[in-house]
Amino acid sequence: MNKDTIEKFPNQRKRQKDFKCSLGFAMTVIGSKWKAIILWHILKTDSIRYGELKKSIPNISHKILSQELKNLEMDGLIKRIAYATIPPKVEYISTDIGKSLENILNELCLWGKKYMD
C-alpha cells in the first residue's frame, strides 16, 4: 500500500504494524466471514443498492451487512454514494483498489467450487 493510501486511511498504518507479512495484513482487510462475499457481489455490477445486496446474500443480518459495508468503505475498497432523494437512495460501487481484488476473488470462488466437489 502506498504512502498516499495510508495517509488517506490512517487505520491501515496500525493494522500494518500488527503483521510482519503482507498476507496477514491482506487477510485483515478482506478476511472476515462476509467482506469478500460482499465485495464480490459489488464487483459483479456497476453499482448496487443496499436492498439488492441484502437479497444477494440472504444469510447475512442487516447489522453485519451495514457494519461490513462501513469497514469496506473505510478500507477504501468500496465507495458509498448517497443521493438526496425521498426516499433516500444509496448505492455502492467498487473503487480501483477494490477492483484490483476482482481476479483474486474470482480465483477463490473457482477454488471453492472445486474444493466443495
PDB file of N, CA and C in Angstrom:
ATOM      1  N   MET A   1       0.849  -1.169   0.000  1.00  0.00           N
ATOM      2  CA  MET A   1       0.000   0.000   0.000  1.00  0.00           C
ATOM      3  C   MET A   1       0.893   1.230   0.000  1.00  0.00           C
ATOM      4  N   ASN A   2       0.610   2.161  -0.897  1.00  0.00           N
ATOM      5  CA  ASN A   2       1.477   3.323  -0.998  1.00  0.00           C
ATOM      6  C   ASN A   2       1.194   4.334   0.109  1.00  0.00           C
ATOM      7  N   LYS A   3       2.097   5.295   0.241  1.00  0.00           N
ATOM      8  CA  LYS A   3       2.010   6.273   1.331  1.00  0.00           C
ATOM      9  C   LYS A   3       0.740   7.112   1.269  1.00  0.00           C
ATOM     10  N   ASP A   4       0.307   7.505   0.059  1.00  0.00           N
ATOM     11  CA  ASP A   4      -0.913   8.305  -0.076  1.00  0.00           C
ATOM     12  C   ASP A   4      -2.127   7.552   0.442  1.00  0.00           C
ATOM     13  N   THR A   5      -2.190   6.255   0.139  1.00  0.00           N
ATOM     14  CA  THR A   5      -3.311   5.441   0.595  1.00  0.00           C
ATOM     15  C   THR A   5      -3.301   5.322   2.110  1.00  0.00           C
ATOM     16  N   ILE A   6      -2.110   5.137   2.683  1.00  0.00           N
ATOM     17  CA  ILE A   6      -2.008   5.022   4.140  1.00  0.00           C
ATOM     18  C   ILE A   6      -2.451   6.319   4.805  1.00  0.00           C
ATOM     19  N   GLU A   7      -2.062   7.468   4.246  1.00  0.00           N
ATOM     20  CA  GLU A   7      -2.481   8.742   4.818  1.00  0.00           C
ATOM     21  C   GLU A   7      -3.983   8.943   4.675  1.00  0.00           C
ATOM     22  N   LYS A   8      -4.557   8.461   3.582  1.00  0.00           N
ATOM     23  CA  LYS A   8      -5.992   8.582   3.367  1.00  0.00           C
ATOM     24  C   LYS A   8      -6.766   7.670   4.319  1.00  0.00           C
ATOM     25  N   PHE A   9      -6.186   6.518   4.648  1.00  0.00           N
ATOM     26  CA  PHE A   9      -6.818   5.545   5.537  1.00  0.00           C
ATOM     27  C   PHE A   9      -5.870   5.261   6.697  1.00  0.00           C
ATOM     28  N   PRO A  10      -5.830   6.167   7.700  1.00  0.00           N
ATOM     29  CA  PRO A  10      -4.842   6.050   8.776  1.00  0.00           C
ATOM     30  C   PRO A  10      -4.953   4.778   9.603  1.00  0.00           C
ATOM     31  N   ASN A  11      -6.128   4.148   9.649  1.00  0.00           N
ATOM     32  CA  ASN A  11      -6.256   2.911  10.423  1.00  0.00           C
ATOM     33  C   ASN A  11      -5.416   1.791   9.812  1.00  0.00           C
ATOM     34  N   GLN A  12      -5.040   1.918   8.528  1.00  0.00           N
ATOM     35  CA  GLN A  12      -4.217   0.906   7.873  1.00  0.00           C
ATOM     36  C   GLN A  12      -2.827   0.850   8.503  1.00  0.00           C
ATOM     37  N   ARG A  13      -2.286   2.006   8.885  1.00  0.00           N
ATOM     38  CA  ARG A  13      -0.941   2.045   9.456  1.00  0.00           C
ATOM     39  C   ARG A  13      -0.861   1.179  10.705  1.00  0.00           C
ATOM     40  N   LYS A  14      -1.860   1.288  11.587  1.00  0.00           N
ATOM     41  CA  LYS A  14      -1.870   0.481  12.805  1.00  0.00           C
ATOM     42  C   LYS A  14      -1.971  -0.996  12.453  1.00  0.00           C
ATOM     43  N   ARG A  15      -2.862  -1.329  11.519  1.00  0.00           N
ATOM     44  CA  ARG A  15      -3.023  -2.738  11.161  1.00  0.00           C
ATOM     45  C   ARG A  15      -1.778  -3.286  10.486  1.00  0.00           C
ATOM     46  N   GLN A  16      -1.066  -2.465   9.743  1.00  0.00           N
ATOM     47  CA  GLN A  16       0.162  -2.934   9.106  1.00  0.00           C
ATOM     48  C   GLN A  16       1.191  -3.311  10.151  1.00  0.00           C
ATOM     49  N   LYS A  17       1.240  -2.557  11.251  1.00  0.00           N
ATOM     50  CA  LYS A  17       2.209  -2.848  12.308  1.00  0.00           C
ATOM     51  C   LYS A  17       1.907  -4.158  13.018  1.00  0.00           C
ATOM     52  N   ASP A  18       0.662  -4.626  12.946  1.00  0.00           N
ATOM     53  CA  ASP A  18       0.286  -5.866  13.615  1.00  0.00           C
ATOM     54  C   ASP A  18       0.826  -7.101  12.901  1.00  0.00           C
ATOM     55  N   PHE A  19       1.279  -6.946  11.657  1.00  0.00           N
ATOM     56  CA  PHE A  19       1.709  -8.095  10.872  1.00  0.00           C
ATOM     57  C   PHE A  19       3.090  -7.868  10.285  1.00  0.00           C
ATOM     58  N   LYS A  20       3.861  -8.932  10.246  1.00  0.00           N
ATOM     59  CA  LYS A  20       5.174  -8.865   9.612  1.00  0.00           C
ATOM     60  C   LYS A  20       5.101  -9.366   8.183  1.00  0.00           C
ATOM     61  N   CYS A  21       3.992  -9.969   7.817  1.00  0.00           N
ATOM     62  CA  CYS A  21       3.867 -10.448   6.441  1.00  0.00           C
ATOM     63  C   CYS A  21       2.649  -9.794   5.783  1.00  0.00           C
ATOM     64  N   SER A  22       2.755  -9.587   4.490  1.00  0.00           N
ATOM     65  CA  SER A  22       1.690  -8.905   3.764  1.00  0.00           C
ATOM     66  C   SER A  22       0.421  -9.743   3.675  1.00  0.00           C
ATOM     67  N   LEU A  23       0.540 -11.068   3.720  1.00  0.00           N
ATOM     68  CA  LEU A  23      -0.653 -11.922   3.659  1.00  0.00           C
ATOM     69  C   LEU A  23      -1.526 -11.712   4.894  1.00  0.00           C
ATOM     70  N   GLY A  24      -0.907 -11.631   6.042  1.00  0.00           N
ATOM     71  CA  GLY A  24      -1.666 -11.381   7.275  1.00  0.00           C
ATOM     72  C   GLY A  24      -2.405 -10.058   7.217  1.00  0.00           C
ATOM     73  N   PHE A  25      -1.725  -9.038   6.704  1.00  0.00           N
ATOM     74  CA  PHE A  25      -2.359  -7.736   6.562  1.00  0.00           C
ATOM     75  C   PHE A  25      -3.526  -7.816   5.587  1.00  0.00           C
ATOM     76  N   ALA A  26      -3.307  -8.454   4.433  1.00  0.00           N
ATOM     77  CA  ALA A  26      -4.364  -8.577   3.425  1.00  0.00           C
ATOM     78  C   ALA A  26      -5.580  -9.291   4.001  1.00  0.00           C
ATOM     79  N   MET A  27      -5.355 -10.298   4.815  1.00  0.00           N
ATOM     80  CA  MET A  27      -6.478 -11.042   5.389  1.00  0.00           C
ATOM     81  C   MET A  27      -7.262 -10.203   6.391  1.00  0.00           C
ATOM     82  N   THR A  28      -6.635  -9.222   7.028  1.00  0.00           N
ATOM     83  CA  THR A  28      -7.407  -8.347   7.922  1.00  0.00           C
ATOM     84  C   THR A  28      -8.326  -7.444   7.120  1.00  0.00           C
ATOM     85  N   VAL A  29      -7.932  -7.133   5.888  1.00  0.00           N
ATOM     86  CA  VAL A  29      -8.744  -6.248   5.057  1.00  0.00           C
ATOM     87  C   VAL A  29      -9.918  -7.008   4.445  1.00  0.00           C
ATOM     88  N   ILE A  30      -9.696  -8.220   3.937  1.00  0.00           N
ATOM     89  CA  ILE A  30     -10.780  -8.946   3.251  1.00  0.00           C
ATOM     90  C   ILE A  30     -11.138 -10.268   3.904  1.00  0.00           C
ATOM     91  N   GLY A  31     -10.536 -10.591   5.046  1.00  0.00           N
ATOM     92  CA  GLY A  31     -10.642 -11.932   5.577  1.00  0.00           C
ATOM     93  C   GLY A  31     -11.780 -12.239   6.529  1.00  0.00           C
ATOM     94  N   SER A  32     -12.696 -11.321   6.756  1.00  0.00           N
ATOM     95  CA  SER A  32     -13.811 -11.668   7.636  1.00  0.00           C
ATOM     96  C   SER A  32     -14.747 -12.633   6.903  1.00  0.00           C
ATOM     97  N   LYS A  33     -15.692 -13.155   7.617  1.00  0.00           N
ATOM     98  CA  LYS A  33     -16.620 -14.126   7.020  1.00  0.00           C
ATOM     99  C   LYS A  33     -17.363 -13.539   5.825  1.00  0.00           C
ATOM    100  N   TRP A  34     -17.668 -12.240   5.866  1.00  0.00           N
ATOM    101  CA  TRP A  34     -18.550 -11.656   4.859  1.00  0.00           C
ATOM    102  C   TRP A  34     -17.902 -10.667   3.902  1.00  0.00           C
ATOM    103  N   LYS A  35     -16.786 -10.061   4.259  1.00  0.00           N
ATOM    104  CA  LYS A  35     -16.228  -8.971   3.444  1.00  0.00           C
ATOM    105  C   LYS A  35     -15.987  -9.378   1.988  1.00  0.00           C
ATOM    106  N   ALA A  36     -15.322 -10.495   1.772  1.00  0.00           N
ATOM    107  CA  ALA A  36     -15.012 -10.920   0.400  1.00  0.00           C
ATOM    108  C   ALA A  36     -16.291 -11.198  -0.386  1.00  0.00           C
ATOM    109  N   ILE A  37     -17.285 -11.757   0.274  1.00  0.00           N
ATOM    110  CA  ILE A  37     -18.553 -12.064  -0.396  1.00  0.00           C
ATOM    111  C   ILE A  37     -19.267 -10.768  -0.788  1.00  0.00           C
ATOM    112  N   ILE A  38     -19.302  -9.813   0.114  1.00  0.00           N
ATOM    113  CA  ILE A  38     -19.935  -8.523  -0.175  1.00  0.00           C
ATOM    114  C   ILE A  38     -19.209  -7.834  -1.325  1.00  0.00           C
ATOM    115  N   LEU A  39     -17.892  -7.790  -1.238  1.00  0.00           N
ATOM    116  CA  LEU A  39     -17.109  -7.144  -2.288  1.00  0.00           C
ATOM    117  C   LEU A  39     -17.310  -7.843  -3.631  1.00  0.00           C
ATOM    118  N   TRP A  40     -17.369  -9.160  -3.624  1.00  0.00           N
ATOM    119  CA  TRP A  40     -17.571  -9.931  -4.858  1.00  0.00           C
ATOM    120  C   TRP A  40     -18.897  -9.549  -5.515  1.00  0.00           C
ATOM    121  N   HIS A  41     -19.951  -9.416  -4.725  1.00  0.00           N
ATOM    122  CA  HIS A  41     -21.267  -9.017  -5.262  1.00  0.00           C
ATOM    123  C   HIS A  41     -21.235  -7.584  -5.801  1.00  0.00           C
ATOM    124  N   ILE A  42     -20.529  -6.700  -5.129  1.00  0.00           N
ATOM    125  CA  ILE A  42     -20.422  -5.321  -5.608  1.00  0.00           C
ATOM    126  C   ILE A  42     -19.628  -5.280  -6.915  1.00  0.00           C
ATOM    127  N   LEU A  43     -18.589  -6.084  -7.011  1.00  0.00           N
ATOM    128  CA  LEU A  43     -17.765  -6.113  -8.223  1.00  0.00           C
ATOM    129  C   LEU A  43     -18.524  -6.647  -9.438  1.00  0.00           C
ATOM    130  N   LYS A  44     -19.533  -7.467  -9.217  1.00  0.00           N
ATOM    131  CA  LYS A  44     -20.289  -8.050 -10.333  1.00  0.00           C
ATOM    132  C   LYS A  44     -21.164  -7.020 -11.041  1.00  0.00           C
ATOM    133  N   THR A  45     -21.377  -5.864 -10.431  1.00  0.00           N
ATOM    134  CA  THR A  45     -22.254  -4.840 -11.011  1.00  0.00           C
ATOM    135  C   THR A  45     -21.521  -3.500 -11.068  1.00  0.00           C
ATOM    136  N   ASP A  46     -22.072  -2.579 -11.835  1.00  0.00           N
ATOM    137  CA  ASP A  46     -21.507  -1.227 -11.843  1.00  0.00           C
ATOM    138  C   ASP A  46     -21.787  -0.532 -10.518  1.00  0.00           C
ATOM    139  N   SER A  47     -23.001  -0.710 -10.026  1.00  0.00           N
ATOM    140  CA  SER A  47     -23.394  -0.186  -8.718  1.00  0.00           C
ATOM    141  C   SER A  47     -24.516  -1.067  -8.197  1.00  0.00           C
ATOM    142  N   ILE A  48     -24.629  -1.109  -6.875  1.00  0.00           N
ATOM    143  CA  ILE A  48     -25.669  -1.947  -6.272  1.00  0.00           C
ATOM    144  C   ILE A  48     -26.241  -1.224  -5.063  1.00  0.00           C
ATOM    145  N   ARG A  49     -27.540  -1.341  -4.904  1.00  0.00           N
ATOM    146  CA  ARG A  49     -28.211  -0.729  -3.755  1.00  0.00           C
ATOM    147  C   ARG A  49     -28.210  -1.710  -2.590  1.00  0.00           C
ATOM    148  N   TYR A  50     -28.405  -1.177  -1.399  1.00  0.00           N
ATOM    149  CA  TYR A  50     -28.361  -1.982  -0.182  1.00  0.00           C
ATOM    150  C   TYR A  50     -29.339  -3.156  -0.256  1.00  0.00           C
ATOM    151  N   GLY A  51     -30.574  -2.897  -0.662  1.00  0.00           N
ATOM    152  CA  GLY A  51     -31.591  -3.945  -0.722  1.00  0.00           C
ATOM    153  C   GLY A  51     -31.227  -5.065  -1.673  1.00  0.00           C
ATOM    154  N   GLU A  52     -30.662  -4.712  -2.827  1.00  0.00           N
ATOM    155  CA  GLU A  52     -30.228  -5.724  -3.786  1.00  0.00           C
ATOM    156  C   GLU A  52     -29.101  -6.565  -3.204  1.00  0.00           C
ATOM    157  N   LEU A  53     -28.200  -5.907  -2.511  1.00  0.00           N
ATOM    158  CA  LEU A  53     -27.081  -6.605  -1.890  1.00  0.00           C
ATOM    159  C   LEU A  53     -27.570  -7.568  -0.815  1.00  0.00           C
ATOM    160  N   LYS A  54     -28.520  -7.114  -0.013  1.00  0.00           N
ATOM    161  CA  LYS A  54     -29.085  -7.966   1.042  1.00  0.00           C
ATOM    162  C   LYS A  54     -29.773  -9.181   0.432  1.00  0.00           C
ATOM    163  N   LYS A  55     -30.499  -9.002  -0.678  1.00  0.00           N
ATOM    164  CA  LYS A  55     -31.154 -10.131  -1.345  1.00  0.00           C
ATOM    165  C   LYS A  55     -30.139 -11.110  -1.920  1.00  0.00           C
ATOM    166  N   SER A  56     -29.000 -10.596  -2.351  1.00  0.00           N
ATOM    167  CA  SER A  56     -27.956 -11.442  -2.919  1.00  0.00           C
ATOM    168  C   SER A  56     -27.268 -12.298  -1.867  1.00  0.00           C
ATOM    169  N   ILE A  57     -27.293 -11.826  -0.614  1.00  0.00           N
ATOM    170  CA  ILE A  57     -26.636 -12.534   0.495  1.00  0.00           C
ATOM    171  C   ILE A  57     -27.668 -12.736   1.599  1.00  0.00           C
ATOM    172  N   PRO A  58     -28.603 -13.656   1.419  1.00  0.00           N
ATOM    173  CA  PRO A  58     -29.729 -13.763   2.355  1.00  0.00           C
ATOM    174  C   PRO A  58     -29.351 -14.182   3.778  1.00  0.00           C
ATOM    175  N   ASN A  59     -28.230 -14.844   3.973  1.00  0.00           N
ATOM    176  CA  ASN A  59     -27.878 -15.322   5.316  1.00  0.00           C
ATOM    177  C   ASN A  59     -27.201 -14.283   6.194  1.00  0.00           C
ATOM    178  N   ILE A  60     -26.929 -13.106   5.650  1.00  0.00           N
ATOM    179  CA  ILE A  60     -26.276 -12.063   6.436  1.00  0.00           C
ATOM    180  C   ILE A  60     -27.339 -11.181   7.100  1.00  0.00           C
ATOM    181  N   SER A  61     -27.080 -10.798   8.336  1.00  0.00           N
ATOM    182  CA  SER A  61     -28.027  -9.912   9.028  1.00  0.00           C
ATOM    183  C   SER A  61     -27.824  -8.479   8.562  1.00  0.00           C
ATOM    184  N   HIS A  62     -28.838  -7.650   8.772  1.00  0.00           N
ATOM    185  CA  HIS A  62     -28.740  -6.239   8.403  1.00  0.00           C
ATOM    186  C   HIS A  62     -27.611  -5.562   9.171  1.00  0.00           C
ATOM    187  N   LYS A  63     -27.477  -5.896  10.446  1.00  0.00           N
ATOM    188  CA  LYS A  63     -26.444  -5.282  11.279  1.00  0.00           C
ATOM    189  C   LYS A  63     -25.049  -5.581  10.731  1.00  0.00           C
ATOM    190  N   ILE A  64     -24.794  -6.833  10.425  1.00  0.00           N
ATOM    191  CA  ILE A  64     -23.472  -7.234   9.931  1.00  0.00           C
ATOM    192  C   ILE A  64     -23.218  -6.654   8.548  1.00  0.00           C
ATOM    193  N   LEU A  65     -24.234  -6.664   7.677  1.00  0.00           N
ATOM    194  CA  LEU A  65     -24.066  -6.096   6.345  1.00  0.00           C
ATOM    195  C   LEU A  65     -23.701  -4.611   6.442  1.00  0.00           C
ATOM    196  N   SER A  66     -24.421  -3.873   7.252  1.00  0.00           N
ATOM    197  CA  SER A  66     -24.130  -2.443   7.430  1.00  0.00           C
ATOM    198  C   SER A  66     -22.720  -2.236   7.982  1.00  0.00           C
ATOM    199  N   GLN A  67     -22.365  -3.022   8.972  1.00  0.00           N
ATOM    200  CA  GLN A  67     -21.050  -2.907   9.601  1.00  0.00           C
ATOM    201  C   GLN A  67     -19.928  -3.219   8.607  1.00  0.00           C
ATOM    202  N   GLU A  68     -20.089  -4.287   7.834  1.00  0.00           N
ATOM    203  CA  GLU A  68     -19.045  -4.679   6.887  1.00  0.00           C
ATOM    204  C   GLU A  68     -18.954  -3.695   5.716  1.00  0.00           C
ATOM    205  N   LEU A  69     -20.084  -3.130   5.297  1.00  0.00           N
ATOM    206  CA  LEU A  69     -20.051  -2.101   4.261  1.00  0.00           C
ATOM    207  C   LEU A  69     -19.259  -0.889   4.745  1.00  0.00           C
ATOM    208  N   LYS A  70     -19.465  -0.494   5.993  1.00  0.00           N
ATOM    209  CA  LYS A  70     -18.711   0.627   6.564  1.00  0.00           C
ATOM    210  C   LYS A  70     -17.219   0.301   6.609  1.00  0.00           C
ATOM    211  N   ASN A  71     -16.890  -0.940   6.994  1.00  0.00           N
ATOM    212  CA  ASN A  71     -15.487  -1.350   7.050  1.00  0.00           C
ATOM    213  C   ASN A  71     -14.847  -1.358   5.666  1.00  0.00           C
ATOM    214  N   LEU A  72     -15.565  -1.878   4.675  1.00  0.00           N
ATOM    215  CA  LEU A  72     -15.042  -1.907   3.313  1.00  0.00           C
ATOM    216  C   LEU A  72     -14.834  -0.482   2.780  1.00  0.00           C
ATOM    217  N   GLU A  73     -15.751   0.406   3.133  1.00  0.00           N
ATOM    218  CA  GLU A  73     -15.610   1.808   2.726  1.00  0.00           C
ATOM    219  C   GLU A  73     -14.416   2.451   3.432  1.00  0.00           C
ATOM    220  N   MET A  74     -14.286   2.179   4.723  1.00  0.00           N
ATOM    221  CA  MET A  74     -13.177   2.720   5.495  1.00  0.00           C
ATOM    222  C   MET A  74     -11.828   2.231   4.954  1.00  0.00           C
ATOM    223  N   ASP A  75     -11.794   1.008   4.468  1.00  0.00           N
ATOM    224  CA  ASP A  75     -10.575   0.436   3.909  1.00  0.00           C
ATOM    225  C   ASP A  75     -10.322   0.875   2.473  1.00  0.00           C
ATOM    226  N   GLY A  76     -11.252   1.626   1.898  1.00  0.00           N
ATOM    227  CA  GLY A  76     -11.058   2.155   0.564  1.00  0.00           C
ATOM    228  C   GLY A  76     -11.360   1.174  -0.560  1.00  0.00           C
ATOM    229  N   LEU A  77     -12.067   0.077  -0.251  1.00  0.00           N
ATOM    230  CA  LEU A  77     -12.378  -0.924  -1.269  1.00  0.00           C
ATOM    231  C   LEU A  77     -13.682  -0.628  -2.003  1.00  0.00           C
ATOM    232  N   ILE A  78     -14.582   0.076  -1.340  1.00  0.00           N
ATOM    233  CA  ILE A  78     -15.849   0.462  -1.968  1.00  0.00           C
ATOM    234  C   ILE A  78     -16.123   1.929  -1.678  1.00  0.00           C
ATOM    235  N   LYS A  79     -17.042   2.477  -2.441  1.00  0.00           N
ATOM    236  CA  LYS A  79     -17.475   3.852  -2.227  1.00  0.00           C
ATOM    237  C   LYS A  79     -18.989   3.855  -2.061  1.00  0.00           C
ATOM    238  N   ARG A  80     -19.455   4.612  -1.096  1.00  0.00           N
ATOM    239  CA  ARG A  80     -20.890   4.760  -0.832  1.00  0.00           C
ATOM    240  C   ARG A  80     -21.348   6.066  -1.453  1.00  0.00           C
ATOM    241  N   ILE A  81     -22.359   5.979  -2.304  1.00  0.00           N
ATOM    242  CA  ILE A  81     -22.896   7.172  -2.949  1.00  0.00           C
ATOM    243  C   ILE A  81     -24.328   7.364  -2.451  1.00  0.00           C
ATOM    244  N   ALA A  82     -24.559   8.473  -1.753  1.00  0.00           N
ATOM    245  CA  ALA A  82     -25.884   8.787  -1.219  1.00  0.00           C
ATOM    246  C   ALA A  82     -26.515   9.872  -2.078  1.00  0.00           C
ATOM    247  N   TYR A  83     -27.741   9.621  -2.508  1.00  0.00           N
ATOM    248  CA  TYR A  83     -28.481  10.580  -3.318  1.00  0.00           C
ATOM    249  C   TYR A  83     -29.502  11.286  -2.429  1.00  0.00           C
ATOM    250  N   ALA A  84     -29.622  12.587  -2.595  1.00  0.00           N
ATOM    251  CA  ALA A  84     -30.558  13.382  -1.794  1.00  0.00           C
ATOM    252  C   ALA A  84     -31.948  13.302  -2.424  1.00  0.00           C
ATOM    253  N   THR A  85     -32.571  12.149  -2.277  1.00  0.00           N
ATOM    254  CA  THR A  85     -33.918  11.937  -2.805  1.00  0.00           C
ATOM    255  C   THR A  85     -34.815  11.447  -1.681  1.00  0.00           C
ATOM    256  N   ILE A  86     -36.100  11.472  -1.950  1.00  0.00           N
ATOM    257  CA  ILE A  86     -37.067  10.913  -0.998  1.00  0.00           C
ATOM    258  C   ILE A  86     -37.801   9.802  -1.734  1.00  0.00           C
ATOM    259  N   PRO A  87     -37.735   8.569  -1.267  1.00  0.00           N
ATOM    260  CA  PRO A  87     -36.932   8.089  -0.140  1.00  0.00           C
ATOM    261  C   PRO A  87     -35.443   8.130  -0.473  1.00  0.00           C
ATOM    262  N   PRO A  88     -34.613   8.119   0.566  1.00  0.00           N
ATOM    263  CA  PRO A  88     -33.167   8.180   0.342  1.00  0.00           C
ATOM    264  C   PRO A  88     -32.691   6.999  -0.508  1.00  0.00           C
ATOM    265  N   LYS A  89     -31.722   7.264  -1.344  1.00  0.00           N
ATOM    266  CA  LYS A  89     -31.169   6.224  -2.210  1.00  0.00           C
ATOM    267  C   LYS A  89     -29.662   6.179  -1.986  1.00  0.00           C
ATOM    268  N   VAL A  90     -29.145   4.986  -1.738  1.00  0.00           N
ATOM    269  CA  VAL A  90     -27.715   4.783  -1.532  1.00  0.00           C
ATOM    270  C   VAL A  90     -27.260   3.664  -2.450  1.00  0.00           C
ATOM    271  N   GLU A  91     -26.136   3.875  -3.114  1.00  0.00           N
ATOM    272  CA  GLU A  91     -25.544   2.846  -3.962  1.00  0.00           C
ATOM    273  C   GLU A  91     -24.102   2.625  -3.533  1.00  0.00           C
ATOM    274  N   TYR A  92     -23.617   1.428  -3.809  1.00  0.00           N
ATOM    275  CA  TYR A  92     -22.238   1.077  -3.509  1.00  0.00           C
ATOM    276  C   TYR A  92     -21.546   0.697  -4.802  1.00  0.00           C
ATOM    277  N   ILE A  93     -20.330   1.210  -4.973  1.00  0.00           N
ATOM    278  CA  ILE A  93     -19.515   0.858  -6.128  1.00  0.00           C
ATOM    279  C   ILE A  93     -18.122   0.478  -5.624  1.00  0.00           C
ATOM    280  N   SER A  94     -17.406  -0.280  -6.425  1.00  0.00           N
ATOM    281  CA  SER A  94     -16.048  -0.628  -6.030  1.00  0.00           C
ATOM    282  C   SER A  94     -15.092   0.474  -6.469  1.00  0.00           C
ATOM    283  N   THR A  95     -14.065   0.677  -5.690  1.00  0.00           N
ATOM    284  CA  THR A  95     -13.016   1.625  -6.029  1.00  0.00           C
ATOM    285  C   THR A  95     -11.970   0.896  -6.872  1.00  0.00           C
ATOM    286  N   ASP A  96     -10.976   1.613  -7.321  1.00  0.00           N
ATOM    287  CA  ASP A  96      -9.894   0.974  -8.078  1.00  0.00           C
ATOM    288  C   ASP A  96      -9.163  -0.060  -7.218  1.00  0.00           C
ATOM    289  N   ILE A  97      -8.994   0.248  -5.932  1.00  0.00           N
ATOM    290  CA  ILE A  97      -8.349  -0.715  -5.031  1.00  0.00           C
ATOM    291  C   ILE A  97      -9.215  -1.963  -4.915  1.00  0.00           C
ATOM    292  N   GLY A  98     -10.526  -1.780  -4.776  1.00  0.00           N
ATOM    293  CA  GLY A  98     -11.437  -2.922  -4.723  1.00  0.00           C
ATOM    294  C   GLY A  98     -11.418  -3.723  -6.003  1.00  0.00           C
ATOM    295  N   LYS A  99     -11.403  -3.021  -7.140  1.00  0.00           N
ATOM    296  CA  LYS A  99     -11.369  -3.708  -8.437  1.00  0.00           C
ATOM    297  C   LYS A  99     -10.098  -4.526  -8.613  1.00  0.00           C
ATOM    298  N   SER A 100      -9.022  -4.106  -7.962  1.00  0.00           N
ATOM    299  CA  SER A 100      -7.772  -4.855  -8.078  1.00  0.00           C
ATOM    300  C   SER A 100      -7.868  -6.233  -7.435  1.00  0.00           C
ATOM    301  N   LEU A 101      -8.890  -6.460  -6.628  1.00  0.00           N
ATOM    302  CA  LEU A 101      -9.102  -7.769  -5.990  1.00  0.00           C
ATOM    303  C   LEU A 101     -10.002  -8.694  -6.808  1.00  0.00           C
ATOM    304  N   GLU A 102     -10.544  -8.207  -7.906  1.00  0.00           N
ATOM    305  CA  GLU A 102     -11.527  -8.979  -8.670  1.00  0.00           C
ATOM    306  C   GLU A 102     -10.985 -10.339  -9.124  1.00  0.00           C
ATOM    307  N   ASN A 103      -9.807 -10.368  -9.724  1.00  0.00           N
ATOM    308  CA  ASN A 103      -9.247 -11.638 -10.190  1.00  0.00           C
ATOM    309  C   ASN A 103      -8.975 -12.597  -9.035  1.00  0.00           C
ATOM    310  N   ILE A 104      -8.497 -12.050  -7.935  1.00  0.00           N
ATOM    311  CA  ILE A 104      -8.210 -12.873  -6.755  1.00  0.00           C
ATOM    312  C   ILE A 104      -9.501 -13.498  -6.228  1.00  0.00           C
ATOM    313  N   LEU A 105     -10.558 -12.705  -6.111  1.00  0.00           N
ATOM    314  CA  LEU A 105     -11.837 -13.219  -5.605  1.00  0.00           C
ATOM    315  C   LEU A 105     -12.442 -14.231  -6.565  1.00  0.00           C
ATOM    316  N   ASN A 106     -12.315 -13.996  -7.872  1.00  0.00           N
ATOM    317  CA  ASN A 106     -12.810 -14.979  -8.850  1.00  0.00           C
ATOM    318  C   ASN A 106     -12.055 -16.297  -8.723  1.00  0.00           C
ATOM    319  N   GLU A 107     -10.740 -16.236  -8.547  1.00  0.00           N
ATOM    320  CA  GLU A 107      -9.942 -17.452  -8.373  1.00  0.00           C
ATOM    321  C   GLU A 107     -10.332 -18.177  -7.079  1.00  0.00           C
ATOM    322  N   LEU A 108     -10.554 -17.423  -6.008  1.00  0.00           N
ATOM    323  CA  LEU A 108     -11.008 -18.046  -4.755  1.00  0.00           C
ATOM    324  C   LEU A 108     -12.362 -18.726  -4.937  1.00  0.00           C
ATOM    325  N   CYS A 109     -13.235 -18.100  -5.703  1.00  0.00           N
ATOM    326  CA  CYS A 109     -14.545 -18.673  -5.986  1.00  0.00           C
ATOM    327  C   CYS A 109     -14.393 -19.999  -6.735  1.00  0.00           C
ATOM    328  N   LEU A 110     -13.560 -20.007  -7.764  1.00  0.00           N
ATOM    329  CA  LEU A 110     -13.324 -21.239  -8.529  1.00  0.00           C
ATOM    330  C   LEU A 110     -12.700 -22.327  -7.658  1.00  0.00           C
ATOM    331  N   TRP A 111     -11.736 -21.942  -6.832  1.00  0.00           N
ATOM    332  CA  TRP A 111     -11.103 -22.894  -5.928  1.00  0.00           C
ATOM    333  C   TRP A 111     -12.139 -23.479  -4.968  1.00  0.00           C
ATOM    334  N   GLY A 112     -13.019 -22.619  -4.448  1.00  0.00           N
ATOM    335  CA  GLY A 112     -14.066 -23.078  -3.530  1.00  0.00           C
ATOM    336  C   GLY A 112     -14.994 -24.067  -4.192  1.00  0.00           C
ATOM    337  N   LYS A 113     -15.376 -23.808  -5.448  1.00  0.00           N
ATOM    338  CA  LYS A 113     -16.246 -24.735  -6.169  1.00  0.00           C
ATOM    339  C   LYS A 113     -15.590 -26.095  -6.328  1.00  0.00           C
ATOM    340  N   LYS A 114     -14.309 -26.095  -6.715  1.00  0.00           N
ATOM    341  CA  LYS A 114     -13.578 -27.359  -6.882  1.00  0.00           C
ATOM    342  C   LYS A 114     -13.461 -28.098  -5.561  1.00  0.00           C
ATOM    343  N   TYR A 115     -13.151 -27.367  -4.506  1.00  0.00           N
ATOM    344  CA  TYR A 115     -12.958 -27.976  -3.199  1.00  0.00           C
ATOM    345  C   TYR A 115     -14.269 -28.535  -2.653  1.00  0.00           C
ATOM    346  N   MET A 116     -15.391 -27.853  -2.927  1.00  0.00           N
ATOM    347  CA  MET A 116     -16.692 -28.326  -2.463  1.00  0.00           C
ATOM    348  C   MET A 116     -17.080 -29.635  -3.131  1.00  0.00           C
ATOM    349  N   ASP A 117     -16.662 -29.811  -4.392  1.00  0.00           N
ATOM    350  CA  ASP A 117     -16.982 -31.044  -5.115  1.00  0.00           C
ATOM    351  C   ASP A 117     -16.160 -32.166  -4.548  1.00  0.00           C
TER     352      ASP A 117
END
